[in-house]
Amino acid sequence: MNTSLSGRLAGYETWEGHDPFEDHAGPFFFRQHEDGSVTCAFEATPTHCNGGGFLHGGLLMTFADFSLFAIGRHVLHGGPSVTVSFTAEFTAAAGAGEFIEARGEVVRNTGSMVFLRGQVFTGKGEDERILLNFSGIVKRVKKRPLEK
């Protein structure tokens, strides 16, 4: 885990090398707070934007999927798991240079499934804008798929 970050990402950590797609799309980061809640974050760059100059919707959904696992990590216990359901509603746009965060909660934890929901946002206090509402179901799996 990379924990030597500075600036707006000071105090965050990442799973660099754990998921090649997320490493390529991000990088994305998370921080667990004293109360047990988790905040995820990334610094938006021009490479995260679509042709219109706004953050790409697929990027926001990828970040939200990353956030499912960070938010649920205390109940997933680091074991192998996969997203089996994901929903998202876009509510606002953002662009390069903005600090993007996500927060959420575990709604239900069964023997094999974890149900979560959250929001991707930018800004603080009165300036906060919700960019995406999301929910998902993460399934614990017994072993990783075979590599080719």
Protein backbone atom coordinates (compact mmCIF):
# COMPACT_ATOMS: atom_id res chain seq x y z
CA MET A 1 0.00 0.00 0.00
CA ASN A 2 1.20 3.49 -0.86
CA THR A 3 0.78 5.84 2.14
CA SER A 4 3.38 8.56 1.35
CA LEU A 5 1.04 11.09 -0.27
CA SER A 6 1.02 14.87 0.13
CA GLY A 7 -1.21 17.84 -0.66
CA ARG A 8 -4.92 17.14 -0.87
CA LEU A 9 -4.21 13.39 -0.70
CA ALA A 10 -2.20 13.50 2.55
CA GLY A 11 -3.51 10.78 4.87
CA TYR A 12 -4.93 8.68 2.03
CA GLU A 13 -3.65 5.29 0.90
CA THR A 14 -4.11 3.14 -2.18
CA TRP A 15 -4.06 -0.46 -3.37
CA GLU A 16 -1.58 0.27 -6.15
CA GLY A 17 -0.75 -2.89 -8.09
CA HIS A 18 -3.85 -4.68 -6.85
CA ASP A 19 -6.13 -3.87 -9.79
CA PRO A 20 -4.40 -2.90 -13.07
CA PHE A 21 -7.54 -1.33 -14.54
CA GLU A 22 -8.14 0.93 -11.52
CA ASP A 23 -4.44 1.87 -11.47
CA HIS A 24 -4.72 2.89 -15.13
CA ALA A 25 -8.05 4.72 -14.74
CA GLY A 26 -7.12 6.49 -11.49
CA PRO A 27 -5.15 6.44 -9.43
CA PHE A 28 -7.77 6.28 -6.68
CA PHE A 29 -7.23 6.57 -2.93
CA PHE A 30 -9.07 5.94 0.36
CA ARG A 31 -8.82 7.01 3.99
CA GLN A 32 -10.44 5.41 7.02
CA HIS A 33 -11.52 7.87 9.71
CA GLU A 34 -11.51 7.32 13.48
CA ASP A 35 -15.27 6.67 13.46
CA GLY A 36 -14.73 3.82 10.96
CA SER A 37 -16.17 5.68 7.97
CA VAL A 38 -14.20 5.76 4.73
CA THR A 39 -13.65 8.58 2.25
CA CYS A 40 -12.27 7.84 -1.21
CA ALA A 41 -10.64 10.46 -3.44
CA PHE A 42 -8.73 11.31 -6.59
CA GLU A 43 -7.42 14.44 -8.25
CA ALA A 44 -9.17 14.96 -11.58
CA THR A 45 -6.84 15.53 -14.55
CA PRO A 46 -7.49 16.16 -18.26
CA THR A 47 -6.98 12.42 -18.91
CA HIS A 48 -10.11 11.74 -16.81
CA CYS A 49 -12.26 13.94 -19.07
CA ASN A 50 -14.44 13.24 -22.09
CA GLY A 51 -14.41 15.20 -25.35
CA GLY A 52 -16.60 17.89 -23.79
CA GLY A 53 -14.08 18.59 -21.02
CA PHE A 54 -16.14 17.00 -18.25
CA LEU A 55 -15.20 13.97 -16.16
CA HIS A 56 -16.05 10.87 -18.16
CA GLY A 57 -19.09 9.00 -16.85
CA GLY A 58 -17.28 5.68 -17.09
CA LEU A 59 -14.47 7.08 -14.98
CA LEU A 60 -16.93 8.20 -12.28
CA MET A 61 -18.54 4.75 -12.28
CA THR A 62 -15.11 3.09 -12.05
CA PHE A 63 -14.26 5.33 -9.09
CA ALA A 64 -17.61 4.49 -7.47
CA ASP A 65 -16.91 0.76 -7.95
CA PHE A 66 -13.47 1.22 -6.34
CA SER A 67 -15.26 3.03 -3.51
CA LEU A 68 -17.62 0.08 -2.92
CA PHE A 69 -14.63 -2.06 -1.97
CA ALA A 70 -12.92 0.62 0.14
CA ILE A 71 -16.14 1.44 2.01
CA GLY A 72 -16.87 -2.25 2.58
CA ARG A 73 -13.32 -3.39 3.30
CA HIS A 74 -13.97 -3.83 7.03
CA VAL A 75 -16.61 -6.49 6.26
CA LEU A 76 -14.91 -7.94 3.16
CA HIS A 77 -11.75 -8.66 5.19
CA GLY A 78 -9.48 -8.40 2.15
CA GLY A 79 -10.72 -11.64 0.66
CA PRO A 80 -11.48 -12.04 -3.03
CA SER A 81 -14.77 -10.46 -4.06
CA VAL A 82 -16.50 -9.13 -7.16
CA THR A 83 -19.18 -6.58 -8.01
CA VAL A 84 -22.37 -8.40 -9.05
CA SER A 85 -24.68 -5.38 -9.28
CA PHE A 86 -24.05 -1.67 -9.72
CA THR A 87 -26.39 1.27 -10.28
CA ALA A 88 -25.58 4.94 -10.74
CA GLU A 89 -27.39 8.23 -11.28
CA PHE A 90 -25.45 11.23 -12.58
CA THR A 91 -26.52 14.47 -10.93
CA ALA A 92 -23.85 17.08 -11.84
CA ALA A 93 -20.66 17.54 -13.85
CA ALA A 94 -17.08 18.31 -12.86
CA GLY A 95 -13.81 18.86 -14.69
CA ALA A 96 -10.05 18.64 -14.48
CA GLY A 97 -8.43 20.24 -11.45
CA GLU A 98 -11.24 19.32 -9.07
CA PHE A 99 -10.75 17.09 -6.02
CA ILE A 100 -13.29 14.27 -6.28
CA GLU A 101 -14.40 12.29 -3.23
CA ALA A 102 -16.81 9.49 -2.37
CA ARG A 103 -18.47 8.45 0.84
CA GLY A 104 -20.92 5.71 1.60
CA GLU A 105 -22.08 2.96 3.87
CA VAL A 106 -22.69 -0.74 4.15
CA VAL A 107 -26.45 -1.22 4.03
CA ARG A 108 -26.52 -4.98 4.63
CA ASN A 109 -23.96 -7.74 5.10
CA THR A 110 -25.00 -11.36 4.55
CA GLY A 111 -22.86 -14.47 4.52
CA SER A 112 -21.79 -13.99 0.91
CA MET A 113 -23.06 -10.56 -0.21
CA VAL A 114 -22.42 -6.99 0.91
CA PHE A 115 -24.93 -4.28 -0.09
CA LEU A 116 -23.56 -0.72 -0.23
CA ARG A 117 -24.54 2.78 -1.31
CA GLY A 118 -22.79 6.10 -1.60
CA GLN A 119 -22.20 9.40 -3.34
CA VAL A 120 -19.38 10.87 -5.42
CA PHE A 121 -18.97 14.58 -4.79
CA THR A 122 -16.69 17.60 -5.07
CA GLY A 123 -16.41 20.70 -2.90
CA LYS A 124 -17.06 21.27 0.79
CA GLY A 125 -19.95 22.64 2.81
CA GLU A 126 -22.21 24.97 0.82
CA ASP A 127 -20.00 24.45 -2.25
CA GLU A 128 -20.44 20.66 -2.27
CA ARG A 129 -21.87 19.19 -5.49
CA ILE A 130 -23.08 15.61 -5.67
CA LEU A 131 -21.87 14.22 -9.00
CA LEU A 132 -23.12 10.64 -8.74
CA ASN A 133 -25.35 8.54 -6.48
CA PHE A 134 -24.42 4.86 -6.55
CA SER A 135 -25.28 1.51 -5.02
CA GLY A 136 -23.87 -1.93 -5.50
CA ILE A 137 -23.69 -5.50 -4.33
CA VAL A 138 -20.31 -7.13 -3.76
CA LYS A 139 -20.09 -10.93 -3.58
CA ARG A 140 -17.37 -12.74 -1.71
CA VAL A 141 -15.84 -15.48 -3.86
CA LYS A 142 -13.95 -18.54 -2.71
CA LYS A 143 -11.00 -18.17 -5.07
CA ARG A 144 -9.71 -15.92 -7.79
CA PRO A 145 -10.47 -16.72 -11.46
CA LEU A 146 -7.78 -18.63 -13.30
CA GLU A 147 -5.17 -16.46 -14.99
CA LYS A 148 -4.41 -16.95 -18.66
